[in-house]
Amino acid sequence: MPVVGYHWSGNHHAVVRGINSITAVWSDGDRLYPCDYRLYHKRGDQKTKNDHFADLRTAAHGRGLCPEAVLFDGWYARVENLDQAPLPTSQPANCVTRTHFSGGFVHE
């Protein structure tokens, strides 16, 4: 299957072989309701995970979902995503949010 590959699993806390999905979930405070998803395959996808994140937010807005808060993984805490709306998120202490991309990686 072309979408199967190796990716980090937060569930397993390790790299696993499988299908990498990005899911939008609605919660009423008691239960979780999946409302949309995207399959991501780094080598075959024309979009980044952040592109899919933006698409999921746009689709949710188009469906009339107006949440009081949007929570997401720190992976998506980049300026382009945060500029769409002020959203609460957490970011691991060892990560840096850059306001511009100059190539390469940031290491601390």
Protein backbone atom coordinates (compact mmCIF):
# COMPACT_ATOMS: atom_id res chain seq x y z
CA MET A 1 0.00 0.00 0.00
CA PRO A 2 1.57 3.35 -1.02
CA VAL A 3 0.60 5.26 2.16
CA VAL A 4 2.28 2.80 4.54
CA GLY A 5 5.56 4.09 5.89
CA TYR A 6 7.57 4.74 9.02
CA HIS A 7 6.49 7.56 11.31
CA TRP A 8 6.58 8.59 14.95
CA SER A 9 3.69 7.26 17.03
CA GLY A 10 2.85 9.26 20.13
CA ASN A 11 0.76 6.29 21.23
CA HIS A 12 3.71 3.90 21.13
CA HIS A 13 6.39 6.54 21.86
CA ALA A 14 8.46 5.03 19.05
CA VAL A 15 8.82 4.92 15.28
CA VAL A 16 6.28 2.48 13.83
CA ARG A 17 5.36 1.19 10.39
CA GLY A 18 1.82 2.05 9.44
CA ILE A 19 -0.54 4.67 8.06
CA ASN A 20 0.05 8.19 9.38
CA SER A 21 -3.28 9.92 9.90
CA ILE A 22 -4.02 13.44 11.06
CA THR A 23 -7.42 13.62 12.73
CA ALA A 24 -9.71 16.50 13.68
CA VAL A 25 -11.78 15.62 16.74
CA TRP A 26 -14.71 17.48 18.31
CA SER A 27 -15.41 17.11 22.03
CA ASP A 28 -18.45 18.04 24.07
CA GLY A 29 -16.33 17.77 27.20
CA ASP A 30 -17.29 14.15 27.86
CA ARG A 31 -16.86 12.36 24.55
CA LEU A 32 -14.66 12.65 21.46
CA TYR A 33 -16.14 12.71 17.96
CA PRO A 34 -13.81 12.32 14.97
CA CYS A 35 -15.06 14.76 12.32
CA ASP A 36 -12.35 14.69 9.64
CA TYR A 37 -8.98 13.18 8.84
CA ARG A 38 -6.13 13.27 6.35
CA LEU A 39 -3.66 10.55 5.44
CA TYR A 40 -0.08 11.76 5.36
CA HIS A 41 2.77 10.04 3.55
CA LYS A 42 5.94 12.11 3.64
CA ARG A 43 7.45 10.74 0.43
CA GLY A 44 4.30 10.63 -1.70
CA ASP A 45 2.30 13.57 -0.36
CA GLN A 46 2.31 16.94 -2.07
CA LYS A 47 1.35 18.60 1.23
CA THR A 48 3.09 18.95 4.56
CA LYS A 49 1.47 18.04 7.87
CA ASN A 50 0.97 21.76 8.44
CA ASP A 51 -0.84 22.06 5.08
CA HIS A 52 -3.18 19.25 6.17
CA PHE A 53 -3.69 20.97 9.54
CA ALA A 54 -4.77 24.17 7.75
CA ASP A 55 -7.08 22.17 5.44
CA LEU A 56 -8.72 20.47 8.43
CA ARG A 57 -9.34 23.83 10.12
CA THR A 58 -10.77 25.30 6.91
CA ALA A 59 -13.05 22.28 6.40
CA ALA A 60 -14.27 22.43 10.01
CA HIS A 61 -15.05 26.14 9.67
CA GLY A 62 -16.87 25.45 6.37
CA ARG A 63 -19.02 22.87 8.16
CA GLY A 64 -20.05 25.45 10.73
CA LEU A 65 -17.93 24.17 13.62
CA CYS A 66 -17.19 27.12 15.89
CA PRO A 67 -15.32 25.74 18.91
CA GLU A 68 -14.61 27.73 22.06
CA ALA A 69 -11.02 26.50 21.92
CA VAL A 70 -8.81 24.57 19.53
CA LEU A 71 -6.17 22.30 21.02
CA PHE A 72 -3.46 20.66 18.98
CA ASP A 73 -0.08 19.01 19.21
CA GLY A 74 2.92 21.28 19.57
CA TRP A 75 4.10 19.96 16.19
CA TYR A 76 1.62 22.36 14.57
CA ALA A 77 2.62 25.39 16.70
CA ARG A 78 4.22 27.35 13.91
CA VAL A 79 3.64 30.96 13.02
CA GLU A 80 1.58 30.25 9.90
CA ASN A 81 -0.87 28.13 11.93
CA LEU A 82 -0.95 30.45 14.92
CA ASP A 83 -1.64 33.46 12.68
CA GLN A 84 -4.95 31.92 11.57
CA ALA A 85 -6.43 32.58 15.01
CA PRO A 86 -5.21 32.85 18.58
CA LEU A 87 -5.29 29.24 19.70
CA PRO A 88 -4.16 27.66 22.96
CA THR A 89 -1.43 25.06 22.58
CA SER A 90 1.54 23.72 24.46
CA GLN A 91 5.05 23.42 23.17
CA PRO A 92 7.72 21.09 24.53
CA ALA A 93 10.51 22.94 26.35
CA ASN A 94 13.10 21.65 23.87
CA CYS A 95 11.33 23.18 20.83
CA VAL A 96 11.76 26.59 19.27
CA THR A 97 9.12 28.42 17.23
CA ARG A 98 10.81 30.39 14.47
CA THR A 99 9.22 33.43 12.88
CA HIS A 100 11.12 32.84 9.63
CA PHE A 101 12.79 29.94 7.86
CA SER A 102 16.41 30.34 6.86
CA GLY A 103 17.03 26.68 6.03
CA GLY A 104 18.43 23.88 8.12
CA PHE A 105 17.37 23.00 11.63
CA VAL A 106 17.40 24.82 14.94
CA HIS A 107 19.29 23.04 17.72
CA GLU A 108 19.63 24.05 21.36
